[in-house]
Structures are given as structure tokens and as C-alpha cells.
PDB file of N, CA and C in Angstrom:
ATOM      1  N   UNK A   1       0.841  -1.165   0.000  1.00  0.00           N
ATOM      2  CA  UNK A   1       0.000   0.000   0.000  1.00  0.00           C
ATOM      3  C   UNK A   1       0.896   1.241   0.000  1.00  0.00           C
ATOM      4  N   UNK A   2       0.604   2.158  -0.878  1.00  0.00           N
ATOM      5  CA  UNK A   2       1.381   3.395  -0.964  1.00  0.00           C
ATOM      6  C   UNK A   2       0.952   4.357   0.135  1.00  0.00           C
ATOM      7  N   UNK A   3       1.763   5.337   0.392  1.00  0.00           N
ATOM      8  CA  UNK A   3       1.535   6.258   1.504  1.00  0.00           C
ATOM      9  C   UNK A   3       0.200   6.998   1.386  1.00  0.00           C
ATOM     10  N   UNK A   4      -0.104   7.531   0.219  1.00  0.00           N
ATOM     11  CA  UNK A   4      -1.318   8.344   0.057  1.00  0.00           C
ATOM     12  C   UNK A   4      -2.388   7.632  -0.774  1.00  0.00           C
ATOM     13  N   UNK A   5      -2.329   6.311  -0.815  1.00  0.00           N
ATOM     14  CA  UNK A   5      -3.275   5.557  -1.630  1.00  0.00           C
ATOM     15  C   UNK A   5      -4.707   5.808  -1.166  1.00  0.00           C
ATOM     16  N   UNK A   6      -5.569   6.118  -2.146  1.00  0.00           N
ATOM     17  CA  UNK A   6      -6.973   6.353  -1.855  1.00  0.00           C
ATOM     18  C   UNK A   6      -7.296   7.790  -1.484  1.00  0.00           C
ATOM     19  N   UNK A   7      -6.313   8.680  -1.517  1.00  0.00           N
ATOM     20  CA  UNK A   7      -6.562  10.082  -1.201  1.00  0.00           C
ATOM     21  C   UNK A   7      -6.499  10.910  -2.480  1.00  0.00           C
ATOM     22  N   UNK A   8      -6.757  12.212  -2.355  1.00  0.00           N
ATOM     23  CA  UNK A   8      -6.723  13.102  -3.520  1.00  0.00           C
ATOM     24  C   UNK A   8      -5.299  13.260  -4.051  1.00  0.00           C
ATOM     25  N   UNK A   9      -4.295  12.982  -3.224  1.00  0.00           N
ATOM     26  CA  UNK A   9      -2.899  13.148  -3.660  1.00  0.00           C
ATOM     27  C   UNK A   9      -2.289  11.853  -4.189  1.00  0.00           C
ATOM     28  N   UNK A  10      -3.087  10.835  -4.291  1.00  0.00           N
ATOM     29  CA  UNK A  10      -2.600   9.539  -4.760  1.00  0.00           C
ATOM     30  C   UNK A  10      -2.186   9.630  -6.227  1.00  0.00           C
ATOM     31  N   UNK A  11      -0.959   9.261  -6.505  1.00  0.00           N
ATOM     32  CA  UNK A  11      -0.465   9.219  -7.881  1.00  0.00           C
ATOM     33  C   UNK A  11       0.015   7.809  -8.167  1.00  0.00           C
ATOM     34  N   UNK A  12      -0.377   7.256  -9.287  1.00  0.00           N
ATOM     35  CA  UNK A  12       0.093   5.901  -9.603  1.00  0.00           C
ATOM     36  C   UNK A  12       1.616   5.912  -9.830  1.00  0.00           C
ATOM     37  N   UNK A  13       2.276   4.824  -9.510  1.00  0.00           N
ATOM     38  CA  UNK A  13       3.734   4.775  -9.657  1.00  0.00           C
ATOM     39  C   UNK A  13       4.161   4.881 -11.113  1.00  0.00           C
ATOM     40  N   UNK A  14       5.281   5.589 -11.357  1.00  0.00           N
ATOM     41  CA  UNK A  14       5.799   5.801 -12.701  1.00  0.00           C
ATOM     42  C   UNK A  14       7.211   5.240 -12.801  1.00  0.00           C
ATOM     43  N   UNK A  15       7.572   4.888 -14.020  1.00  0.00           N
ATOM     44  CA  UNK A  15       8.919   4.408 -14.309  1.00  0.00           C
ATOM     45  C   UNK A  15       9.893   5.580 -14.167  1.00  0.00           C
ATOM     46  N   UNK A  16      11.034   5.343 -13.534  1.00  0.00           N
ATOM     47  CA  UNK A  16      12.017   6.411 -13.337  1.00  0.00           C
ATOM     48  C   UNK A  16      12.747   6.762 -14.626  1.00  0.00           C
ATOM     49  N   UNK A  17      12.787   5.830 -15.583  1.00  0.00           N
ATOM     50  CA  UNK A  17      13.533   6.086 -16.820  1.00  0.00           C
ATOM     51  C   UNK A  17      12.679   6.743 -17.902  1.00  0.00           C
ATOM     52  N   UNK A  18      11.453   6.247 -18.122  1.00  0.00           N
ATOM     53  CA  UNK A  18      10.639   6.781 -19.229  1.00  0.00           C
ATOM     54  C   UNK A  18       9.479   7.652 -18.758  1.00  0.00           C
ATOM     55  N   UNK A  19       9.251   7.729 -17.459  1.00  0.00           N
ATOM     56  CA  UNK A  19       8.199   8.550 -16.862  1.00  0.00           C
ATOM     57  C   UNK A  19       6.784   8.079 -17.208  1.00  0.00           C
ATOM     58  N   UNK A  20       6.627   6.905 -17.783  1.00  0.00           N
ATOM     59  CA  UNK A  20       5.294   6.354 -18.042  1.00  0.00           C
ATOM     60  C   UNK A  20       4.800   5.629 -16.799  1.00  0.00           C
ATOM     61  N   UNK A  21       3.492   5.321 -16.793  1.00  0.00           N
ATOM     62  CA  UNK A  21       2.953   4.515 -15.707  1.00  0.00           C
ATOM     63  C   UNK A  21       3.654   3.158 -15.722  1.00  0.00           C
ATOM     64  N   UNK A  22       3.850   2.586 -14.546  1.00  0.00           N
ATOM     65  CA  UNK A  22       4.554   1.304 -14.479  1.00  0.00           C
ATOM     66  C   UNK A  22       3.825   0.222 -15.260  1.00  0.00           C
ATOM     67  N   UNK A  23       2.505   0.290 -15.326  1.00  0.00           N
ATOM     68  CA  UNK A  23       1.746  -0.713 -16.075  1.00  0.00           C
ATOM     69  C   UNK A  23       1.933  -0.555 -17.581  1.00  0.00           C
ATOM     70  N   UNK A  24       2.310   0.644 -18.064  1.00  0.00           N
ATOM     71  CA  UNK A  24       2.502   0.902 -19.489  1.00  0.00           C
ATOM     72  C   UNK A  24       3.979   0.897 -19.887  1.00  0.00           C
ATOM     73  N   UNK A  25       4.872   0.835 -18.946  1.00  0.00           N
ATOM     74  CA  UNK A  25       6.297   0.928 -19.216  1.00  0.00           C
ATOM     75  C   UNK A  25       6.789  -0.264 -20.013  1.00  0.00           C
ATOM     76  N   UNK A  26       7.639   0.011 -21.018  1.00  0.00           N
ATOM     77  CA  UNK A  26       8.211  -1.045 -21.841  1.00  0.00           C
ATOM     78  C   UNK A  26       9.738  -1.030 -21.778  1.00  0.00           C
ATOM     79  N   UNK A  27      10.290  -0.398 -20.768  1.00  0.00           N
ATOM     80  CA  UNK A  27      11.743  -0.355 -20.606  1.00  0.00           C
ATOM     81  C   UNK A  27      12.271  -1.752 -20.305  1.00  0.00           C
ATOM     82  N   UNK A  28      13.432  -2.107 -20.862  1.00  0.00           N
ATOM     83  CA  UNK A  28      14.014  -3.416 -20.531  1.00  0.00           C
ATOM     84  C   UNK A  28      14.447  -3.426 -19.074  1.00  0.00           C
ATOM     85  N   UNK A  29      14.472  -4.596 -18.463  1.00  0.00           N
ATOM     86  CA  UNK A  29      14.892  -4.649 -17.058  1.00  0.00           C
ATOM     87  C   UNK A  29      16.342  -4.195 -16.915  1.00  0.00           C
ATOM     88  N   UNK A  30      16.651  -3.636 -15.760  1.00  0.00           N
ATOM     89  CA  UNK A  30      18.005  -3.171 -15.502  1.00  0.00           C
ATOM     90  C   UNK A  30      18.959  -4.359 -15.440  1.00  0.00           C
ATOM     91  N   UNK A  31      20.190  -4.125 -15.892  1.00  0.00           N
ATOM     92  CA  UNK A  31      21.197  -5.172 -15.846  1.00  0.00           C
ATOM     93  C   UNK A  31      21.559  -5.466 -14.394  1.00  0.00           C
ATOM     94  N   UNK A  32      21.985  -6.678 -14.154  1.00  0.00           N
ATOM     95  CA  UNK A  32      22.387  -7.065 -12.801  1.00  0.00           C
ATOM     96  C   UNK A  32      23.607  -6.250 -12.392  1.00  0.00           C
ATOM     97  N   UNK A  33      23.705  -5.897 -11.124  1.00  0.00           N
ATOM     98  CA  UNK A  33      24.866  -5.127 -10.681  1.00  0.00           C
ATOM     99  C   UNK A  33      26.150  -5.919 -10.906  1.00  0.00           C
ATOM    100  N   UNK A  34      27.221  -5.187 -11.172  1.00  0.00           N
ATOM    101  CA  UNK A  34      28.490  -5.844 -11.458  1.00  0.00           C
ATOM    102  C   UNK A  34      28.958  -6.608 -10.230  1.00  0.00           C
ATOM    103  N   UNK A  35      29.556  -7.738 -10.485  1.00  0.00           N
ATOM    104  CA  UNK A  35      30.039  -8.551  -9.381  1.00  0.00           C
ATOM    105  C   UNK A  35      31.378  -8.031  -8.901  1.00  0.00           C
ATOM    106  N   UNK A  36      31.599  -8.154  -7.627  1.00  0.00           N
ATOM    107  CA  UNK A  36      32.835  -7.680  -7.038  1.00  0.00           C
ATOM    108  C   UNK A  36      33.929  -8.735  -7.215  1.00  0.00           C
ATOM    109  N   UNK A  37      35.141  -8.274  -7.431  1.00  0.00           N
ATOM    110  CA  UNK A  37      36.284  -9.162  -7.584  1.00  0.00           C
ATOM    111  C   UNK A  37      36.767  -9.544  -6.188  1.00  0.00           C
ATOM    112  N   UNK A  38      37.013 -10.833  -5.925  1.00  0.00           N
ATOM    113  CA  UNK A  38      37.492 -11.228  -4.593  1.00  0.00           C
ATOM    114  C   UNK A  38      38.845 -10.597  -4.290  1.00  0.00           C
ATOM    115  N   UNK A  39      39.096 -10.234  -3.038  1.00  0.00           N
ATOM    116  CA  UNK A  39      40.364  -9.598  -2.673  1.00  0.00           C
ATOM    117  C   UNK A  39      41.590 -10.444  -3.010  1.00  0.00           C
ATOM    118  N   UNK A  40      41.467 -11.764  -2.964  1.00  0.00           N
ATOM    119  CA  UNK A  40      42.614 -12.642  -3.236  1.00  0.00           C
ATOM    120  C   UNK A  40      43.137 -12.479  -4.656  1.00  0.00           C
ATOM    121  N   UNK A  41      42.289 -11.998  -5.568  1.00  0.00           N
ATOM    122  CA  UNK A  41      42.675 -11.867  -6.968  1.00  0.00           C
ATOM    123  C   UNK A  41      43.160 -10.462  -7.306  1.00  0.00           C
ATOM    124  N   UNK A  42      43.352  -9.601  -6.302  1.00  0.00           N
ATOM    125  CA  UNK A  42      43.744  -8.219  -6.559  1.00  0.00           C
ATOM    126  C   UNK A  42      45.033  -7.878  -5.811  1.00  0.00           C
ATOM    127  N   UNK A  43      45.789  -6.966  -6.389  1.00  0.00           N
ATOM    128  CA  UNK A  43      47.015  -6.497  -5.758  1.00  0.00           C
ATOM    129  C   UNK A  43      46.905  -5.001  -5.525  1.00  0.00           C
ATOM    130  N   UNK A  44      47.063  -4.605  -4.279  1.00  0.00           N
ATOM    131  CA  UNK A  44      47.051  -3.188  -3.917  1.00  0.00           C
ATOM    132  C   UNK A  44      48.491  -2.703  -3.862  1.00  0.00           C
ATOM    133  N   UNK A  45      48.748  -1.555  -4.456  1.00  0.00           N
ATOM    134  CA  UNK A  45      50.076  -0.962  -4.451  1.00  0.00           C
ATOM    135  C   UNK A  45      50.056   0.258  -3.526  1.00  0.00           C
ATOM    136  N   UNK A  46      50.955   0.251  -2.560  1.00  0.00           N
ATOM    137  CA  UNK A  46      51.000   1.322  -1.570  1.00  0.00           C
ATOM    138  C   UNK A  46      52.158   2.262  -1.855  1.00  0.00           C
ATOM    139  N   UNK A  47      51.961   3.529  -1.567  1.00  0.00           N
ATOM    140  CA  UNK A  47      53.015   4.527  -1.742  1.00  0.00           C
ATOM    141  C   UNK A  47      52.776   5.680  -0.783  1.00  0.00           C
ATOM    142  N   UNK A  48      53.866   6.362  -0.461  1.00  0.00           N
ATOM    143  CA  UNK A  48      53.795   7.597   0.315  1.00  0.00           C
ATOM    144  C   UNK A  48      54.074   8.742  -0.639  1.00  0.00           C
ATOM    145  N   UNK A  49      53.225   9.755  -0.619  1.00  0.00           N
ATOM    146  CA  UNK A  49      53.421  10.909  -1.499  1.00  0.00           C
ATOM    147  C   UNK A  49      53.368  12.187  -0.675  1.00  0.00           C
ATOM    148  N   UNK A  50      54.093  13.167  -1.144  1.00  0.00           N
ATOM    149  CA  UNK A  50      54.124  14.462  -0.477  1.00  0.00           C
ATOM    150  C   UNK A  50      53.164  15.403  -1.200  1.00  0.00           C
ATOM    151  N   UNK A  51      52.314  16.064  -0.451  1.00  0.00           N
ATOM    152  CA  UNK A  51      51.380  17.039  -1.000  1.00  0.00           C
ATOM    153  C   UNK A  51      51.901  18.442  -0.709  1.00  0.00           C
ATOM    154  N   UNK A  52      51.115  19.432  -1.123  1.00  0.00           N
ATOM    155  CA  UNK A  52      51.551  20.807  -0.896  1.00  0.00           C
ATOM    156  C   UNK A  52      51.712  21.082   0.595  1.00  0.00           C
ATOM    157  N   UNK A  53      52.580  21.977   0.899  1.00  0.00           N
ATOM    158  CA  UNK A  53      52.924  22.364   2.268  1.00  0.00           C
ATOM    159  C   UNK A  53      53.543  21.211   3.057  1.00  0.00           C
ATOM    160  N   UNK A  54      54.124  20.232   2.350  1.00  0.00           N
ATOM    161  CA  UNK A  54      54.863  19.161   3.001  1.00  0.00           C
ATOM    162  C   UNK A  54      54.037  18.074   3.657  1.00  0.00           C
ATOM    163  N   UNK A  55      52.742  18.026   3.412  1.00  0.00           N
ATOM    164  CA  UNK A  55      51.885  17.007   4.023  1.00  0.00           C
ATOM    165  C   UNK A  55      52.123  15.658   3.339  1.00  0.00           C
ATOM    166  N   UNK A  56      52.214  14.587   4.118  1.00  0.00           N
ATOM    167  CA  UNK A  56      52.405  13.249   3.577  1.00  0.00           C
ATOM    168  C   UNK A  56      51.068  12.513   3.523  1.00  0.00           C
ATOM    169  N   UNK A  57      50.893  11.722   2.455  1.00  0.00           N
ATOM    170  CA  UNK A  57      49.654  10.993   2.223  1.00  0.00           C
ATOM    171  C   UNK A  57      50.006   9.564   1.846  1.00  0.00           C
ATOM    172  N   UNK A  58      49.302   8.596   2.430  1.00  0.00           N
ATOM    173  CA  UNK A  58      49.443   7.197   2.054  1.00  0.00           C
ATOM    174  C   UNK A  58      48.450   6.927   0.929  1.00  0.00           C
ATOM    175  N   UNK A  59      48.957   6.421  -0.210  1.00  0.00           N
ATOM    176  CA  UNK A  59      48.121   6.213  -1.387  1.00  0.00           C
ATOM    177  C   UNK A  59      48.016   4.712  -1.683  1.00  0.00           C
ATOM    178  N   UNK A  60      46.789   4.244  -1.930  1.00  0.00           N
ATOM    179  CA  UNK A  60      46.531   2.857  -2.310  1.00  0.00           C
ATOM    180  C   UNK A  60      46.075   2.867  -3.760  1.00  0.00           C
ATOM    181  N   UNK A  61      46.838   2.185  -4.625  1.00  0.00           N
ATOM    182  CA  UNK A  61      46.500   2.108  -6.059  1.00  0.00           C
ATOM    183  C   UNK A  61      46.300   0.660  -6.457  1.00  0.00           C
ATOM    184  N   UNK A  62      45.801   0.456  -7.662  1.00  0.00           N
ATOM    185  CA  UNK A  62      45.711  -0.883  -8.230  1.00  0.00           C
ATOM    186  C   UNK A  62      44.401  -1.589  -7.988  1.00  0.00           C
ATOM    187  N   UNK A  63      43.459  -0.973  -7.307  1.00  0.00           N
ATOM    188  CA  UNK A  63      42.155  -1.584  -7.071  1.00  0.00           C
ATOM    189  C   UNK A  63      41.143  -0.908  -7.990  1.00  0.00           C
ATOM    190  N   UNK A  64      40.494  -1.685  -8.843  1.00  0.00           N
ATOM    191  CA  UNK A  64      39.566  -1.090  -9.802  1.00  0.00           C
ATOM    192  C   UNK A  64      38.279  -0.652  -9.111  1.00  0.00           C
ATOM    193  N   UNK A  65      37.729   0.443  -9.580  1.00  0.00           N
ATOM    194  CA  UNK A  65      36.499   0.980  -8.992  1.00  0.00           C
ATOM    195  C   UNK A  65      35.299   0.089  -9.320  1.00  0.00           C
ATOM    196  N   UNK A  66      35.333  -0.588 -10.464  1.00  0.00           N
ATOM    197  CA  UNK A  66      34.199  -1.432 -10.839  1.00  0.00           C
ATOM    198  C   UNK A  66      34.196  -2.759 -10.100  1.00  0.00           C
ATOM    199  N   UNK A  67      35.357  -3.245  -9.699  1.00  0.00           N
ATOM    200  CA  UNK A  67      35.435  -4.532  -9.023  1.00  0.00           C
ATOM    201  C   UNK A  67      35.455  -4.434  -7.513  1.00  0.00           C
ATOM    202  N   UNK A  68      35.385  -3.240  -6.979  1.00  0.00           N
ATOM    203  CA  UNK A  68      35.453  -3.026  -5.530  1.00  0.00           C
ATOM    204  C   UNK A  68      34.439  -1.994  -5.092  1.00  0.00           C
ATOM    205  N   UNK A  69      34.130  -2.030  -3.823  1.00  0.00           N
ATOM    206  CA  UNK A  69      33.336  -0.978  -3.209  1.00  0.00           C
ATOM    207  C   UNK A  69      34.319  -0.039  -2.524  1.00  0.00           C
ATOM    208  N   UNK A  70      34.942   0.851  -3.316  1.00  0.00           N
ATOM    209  CA  UNK A  70      35.992   1.719  -2.800  1.00  0.00           C
ATOM    210  C   UNK A  70      35.536   2.613  -1.642  1.00  0.00           C
ATOM    211  N   UNK A  71      34.331   3.209  -1.698  1.00  0.00           N
ATOM    212  CA  UNK A  71      33.917   4.026  -0.550  1.00  0.00           C
ATOM    213  C   UNK A  71      33.842   3.228   0.754  1.00  0.00           C
ATOM    214  N   UNK A  72      33.360   1.990   0.686  1.00  0.00           N
ATOM    215  CA  UNK A  72      33.282   1.169   1.900  1.00  0.00           C
ATOM    216  C   UNK A  72      34.673   0.779   2.378  1.00  0.00           C
ATOM    217  N   UNK A  73      35.572   0.459   1.445  1.00  0.00           N
ATOM    218  CA  UNK A  73      36.939   0.107   1.808  1.00  0.00           C
ATOM    219  C   UNK A  73      37.644   1.300   2.454  1.00  0.00           C
ATOM    220  N   UNK A  74      37.495   2.477   1.849  1.00  0.00           N
ATOM    221  CA  UNK A  74      38.110   3.679   2.411  1.00  0.00           C
ATOM    222  C   UNK A  74      37.554   3.974   3.799  1.00  0.00           C
ATOM    223  N   UNK A  75      36.261   3.842   3.957  1.00  0.00           N
ATOM    224  CA  UNK A  75      35.634   4.094   5.242  1.00  0.00           C
ATOM    225  C   UNK A  75      36.190   3.151   6.310  1.00  0.00           C
ATOM    226  N   UNK A  76      36.359   1.891   5.955  1.00  0.00           N
ATOM    227  CA  UNK A  76      36.900   0.920   6.906  1.00  0.00           C
ATOM    228  C   UNK A  76      38.341   1.263   7.281  1.00  0.00           C
ATOM    229  N   UNK A  77      39.152   1.632   6.288  1.00  0.00           N
ATOM    230  CA  UNK A  77      40.543   2.004   6.558  1.00  0.00           C
ATOM    231  C   UNK A  77      40.615   3.249   7.439  1.00  0.00           C
ATOM    232  N   UNK A  78      39.832   4.266   7.102  1.00  0.00           N
ATOM    233  CA  UNK A  78      39.855   5.521   7.873  1.00  0.00           C
ATOM    234  C   UNK A  78      39.427   5.290   9.317  1.00  0.00           C
ATOM    235  N   UNK A  79      38.387   4.487   9.515  1.00  0.00           N
ATOM    236  CA  UNK A  79      37.882   4.241  10.855  1.00  0.00           C
ATOM    237  C   UNK A  79      38.911   3.478  11.687  1.00  0.00           C
ATOM    238  N   UNK A  80      39.506   2.452  11.098  1.00  0.00           N
ATOM    239  CA  UNK A  80      40.462   1.634  11.835  1.00  0.00           C
ATOM    240  C   UNK A  80      41.732   2.407  12.153  1.00  0.00           C
ATOM    241  N   UNK A  81      42.212   3.195  11.195  1.00  0.00           N
ATOM    242  CA  UNK A  81      43.458   3.938  11.386  1.00  0.00           C
ATOM    243  C   UNK A  81      43.227   5.199  12.200  1.00  0.00           C
ATOM    244  N   UNK A  82      42.074   5.802  12.057  1.00  0.00           N
ATOM    245  CA  UNK A  82      41.782   7.037  12.782  1.00  0.00           C
ATOM    246  C   UNK A  82      42.325   8.252  12.072  1.00  0.00           C
ATOM    247  N   UNK A  83      42.227   8.241  10.748  1.00  0.00           N
ATOM    248  CA  UNK A  83      42.726   9.360   9.948  1.00  0.00           C
ATOM    249  C   UNK A  83      41.702   9.701   8.882  1.00  0.00           C
ATOM    250  N   UNK A  84      41.868  10.858   8.273  1.00  0.00           N
ATOM    251  CA  UNK A  84      40.991  11.270   7.183  1.00  0.00           C
ATOM    252  C   UNK A  84      41.472  10.681   5.877  1.00  0.00           C
ATOM    253  N   UNK A  85      40.663  10.813   4.857  1.00  0.00           N
ATOM    254  CA  UNK A  85      41.055  10.301   3.551  1.00  0.00           C
ATOM    255  C   UNK A  85      40.027  10.637   2.501  1.00  0.00           C
ATOM    256  N   UNK A  86      40.381  10.318   1.247  1.00  0.00           N
ATOM    257  CA  UNK A  86      39.483  10.601   0.136  1.00  0.00           C
ATOM    258  C   UNK A  86      39.761   9.627  -1.001  1.00  0.00           C
ATOM    259  N   UNK A  87      38.858   9.642  -1.987  1.00  0.00           N
ATOM    260  CA  UNK A  87      39.039   8.845  -3.203  1.00  0.00           C
ATOM    261  C   UNK A  87      39.334   9.813  -4.337  1.00  0.00           C
ATOM    262  N   UNK A  88      40.435   9.612  -5.026  1.00  0.00           N
ATOM    263  CA  UNK A  88      40.811  10.410  -6.193  1.00  0.00           C
ATOM    264  C   UNK A  88      40.886   9.470  -7.390  1.00  0.00           C
ATOM    265  N   UNK A  89      39.840   9.450  -8.205  1.00  0.00           N
ATOM    266  CA  UNK A  89      39.802   8.523  -9.341  1.00  0.00           C
ATOM    267  C   UNK A  89      39.673   7.102  -8.812  1.00  0.00           C
ATOM    268  N   UNK A  90      40.695   6.279  -9.059  1.00  0.00           N
ATOM    269  CA  UNK A  90      40.712   4.917  -8.540  1.00  0.00           C
ATOM    270  C   UNK A  90      41.762   4.757  -7.451  1.00  0.00           C
ATOM    271  N   UNK A  91      42.172   5.859  -6.832  1.00  0.00           N
ATOM    272  CA  UNK A  91      43.168   5.826  -5.767  1.00  0.00           C
ATOM    273  C   UNK A  91      42.523   6.198  -4.441  1.00  0.00           C
ATOM    274  N   UNK A  92      42.935   5.510  -3.398  1.00  0.00           N
ATOM    275  CA  UNK A  92      42.509   5.859  -2.051  1.00  0.00           C
ATOM    276  C   UNK A  92      43.641   6.645  -1.405  1.00  0.00           C
ATOM    277  N   UNK A  93      43.341   7.788  -0.843  1.00  0.00           N
ATOM    278  CA  UNK A  93      44.342   8.607  -0.175  1.00  0.00           C
ATOM    279  C   UNK A  93      43.976   8.719   1.299  1.00  0.00           C
ATOM    280  N   UNK A  94      44.947   8.370   2.158  1.00  0.00           N
ATOM    281  CA  UNK A  94      44.747   8.455   3.595  1.00  0.00           C
ATOM    282  C   UNK A  94      45.769   9.431   4.144  1.00  0.00           C
ATOM    283  N   UNK A  95      45.308  10.391   4.916  1.00  0.00           N
ATOM    284  CA  UNK A  95      46.182  11.437   5.435  1.00  0.00           C
ATOM    285  C   UNK A  95      47.189  10.855   6.422  1.00  0.00           C
ATOM    286  N   UNK A  96      48.462  11.195   6.220  1.00  0.00           N
ATOM    287  CA  UNK A  96      49.510  10.778   7.136  1.00  0.00           C
ATOM    288  C   UNK A  96      50.327   9.610   6.617  1.00  0.00           C
ATOM    289  N   UNK A  97      51.320   9.219   7.403  1.00  0.00           N
ATOM    290  CA  UNK A  97      52.200   8.114   7.035  1.00  0.00           C
ATOM    291  C   UNK A  97      51.730   6.851   7.754  1.00  0.00           C
ATOM    292  N   UNK A  98      50.867   6.110   7.126  1.00  0.00           N
ATOM    293  CA  UNK A  98      50.275   4.901   7.710  1.00  0.00           C
ATOM    294  C   UNK A  98      50.546   3.686   6.837  1.00  0.00           C
ATOM    295  N   UNK A  99      51.710   3.628   6.229  1.00  0.00           N
ATOM    296  CA  UNK A  99      52.028   2.563   5.280  1.00  0.00           C
ATOM    297  C   UNK A  99      51.899   1.177   5.917  1.00  0.00           C
ATOM    298  N   UNK A 100      52.520   0.978   7.061  1.00  0.00           N
ATOM    299  CA  UNK A 100      52.505  -0.345   7.697  1.00  0.00           C
ATOM    300  C   UNK A 100      51.108  -0.730   8.186  1.00  0.00           C
ATOM    301  N   UNK A 101      50.383   0.216   8.732  1.00  0.00           N
ATOM    302  CA  UNK A 101      49.032  -0.081   9.221  1.00  0.00           C
ATOM    303  C   UNK A 101      48.094  -0.432   8.071  1.00  0.00           C
ATOM    304  N   UNK A 102      48.191   0.316   6.974  1.00  0.00           N
ATOM    305  CA  UNK A 102      47.342   0.033   5.804  1.00  0.00           C
ATOM    306  C   UNK A 102      47.714  -1.326   5.221  1.00  0.00           C
ATOM    307  N   UNK A 103      49.028  -1.599   5.134  1.00  0.00           N
ATOM    308  CA  UNK A 103      49.483  -2.895   4.609  1.00  0.00           C
ATOM    309  C   UNK A 103      48.906  -4.033   5.451  1.00  0.00           C
ATOM    310  N   UNK A 104      48.997  -3.906   6.753  1.00  0.00           N
ATOM    311  CA  UNK A 104      48.498  -4.945   7.654  1.00  0.00           C
ATOM    312  C   UNK A 104      46.983  -5.138   7.486  1.00  0.00           C
ATOM    313  N   UNK A 105      46.235  -4.056   7.421  1.00  0.00           N
ATOM    314  CA  UNK A 105      44.775  -4.150   7.277  1.00  0.00           C
ATOM    315  C   UNK A 105      44.376  -4.789   5.955  1.00  0.00           C
ATOM    316  N   UNK A 106      45.031  -4.369   4.856  1.00  0.00           N
ATOM    317  CA  UNK A 106      44.688  -4.934   3.549  1.00  0.00           C
ATOM    318  C   UNK A 106      45.029  -6.418   3.487  1.00  0.00           C
ATOM    319  N   UNK A 107      46.147  -6.806   4.097  1.00  0.00           N
ATOM    320  CA  UNK A 107      46.503  -8.228   4.117  1.00  0.00           C
ATOM    321  C   UNK A 107      45.507  -9.019   4.944  1.00  0.00           C
ATOM    322  N   UNK A 108      45.006  -8.453   6.039  1.00  0.00           N
ATOM    323  CA  UNK A 108      43.976  -9.118   6.837  1.00  0.00           C
ATOM    324  C   UNK A 108      42.695  -9.319   6.035  1.00  0.00           C
ATOM    325  N   UNK A 109      42.378  -8.356   5.140  1.00  0.00           N
ATOM    326  CA  UNK A 109      41.176  -8.463   4.313  1.00  0.00           C
ATOM    327  C   UNK A 109      41.354  -9.456   3.168  1.00  0.00           C
ATOM    328  N   UNK A 110      42.592  -9.846   2.892  1.00  0.00           N
ATOM    329  CA  UNK A 110      42.853 -10.830   1.845  1.00  0.00           C
ATOM    330  C   UNK A 110      43.501 -10.286   0.600  1.00  0.00           C
ATOM    331  N   UNK A 111      43.820  -8.996   0.547  1.00  0.00           N
ATOM    332  CA  UNK A 111      44.452  -8.402  -0.620  1.00  0.00           C
ATOM    333  C   UNK A 111      45.940  -8.746  -0.646  1.00  0.00           C
ATOM    334  N   UNK A 112      46.497  -8.869  -1.852  1.00  0.00           N
ATOM    335  CA  UNK A 112      47.945  -8.944  -2.005  1.00  0.00           C
ATOM    336  C   UNK A 112      48.446  -7.502  -1.984  1.00  0.00           C
ATOM    337  N   UNK A 113      49.565  -7.256  -1.310  1.00  0.00           N
ATOM    338  CA  UNK A 113      50.045  -5.877  -1.150  1.00  0.00           C
ATOM    339  C   UNK A 113      51.477  -5.781  -1.632  1.00  0.00           C
ATOM    340  N   UNK A 114      51.750  -4.747  -2.426  1.00  0.00           N
ATOM    341  CA  UNK A 114      53.101  -4.423  -2.868  1.00  0.00           C
ATOM    342  C   UNK A 114      53.404  -2.993  -2.465  1.00  0.00           C
ATOM    343  N   UNK A 115      54.672  -2.743  -2.185  1.00  0.00           N
ATOM    344  CA  UNK A 115      55.094  -1.375  -1.895  1.00  0.00           C
ATOM    345  C   UNK A 115      55.220  -1.071  -0.443  1.00  0.00           C
TER     346      UNK A 115
END
């Protein structure tokens, strides 16, 4: 039952892609979400880089955005390490020099680590 079903504000559900009524919609079904690549089959490359004003950043490369949930991985790393970070393209950047801690965490998750 919809929230306003049976009231003056009741609107029948519409397709998000073609804006037609769901009963009239002829859009093909959405493709299945891409499957994630298991960590054992991936290699993460770690590096320390210097940013402006001399700030050091731990960078994780080599993990594809389509085969991973990068935001969830970054969130887990940031929470465990206790540092800030961001995603730049397909790279994870964690503020500070946390090379050994990141290496240990990624190996615990099952990733192969280089660097």
C-alpha cells in the first residue's frame, strides 16, 4: 500500500527512466549489478606521497572501482586507522604516514600488497 493511496494526492507509480505509468512501461529490465572481484585476486600498491605544504599521504592504487566498493573500503581504513582520507579517481588517499598499518589491514582483508 502506498503512503497516500486512496486520497486526492494519490499518484500511480511511474517508471524512473521513461516517466510512463509502471503498467505501461516497456523499458528493458536493468542489468544485474556488477560482481565484485574477490580480494585474493587483486594487488594493492601502496606509496607515500608528499602534498603541498609538506603534508604526507598514504596512497593505495591498483584496485579497480568497478570490481570493488571503494567508498566502503576507504571508510573501513579511515575508521580503523583514525585518519581522514578521500578517493581520487581509482586511488585511495589516507592522510599521514600509515604505510605499515594500511598494509596490515589490507593483508587481513585478503588483498595482495606491494610497496
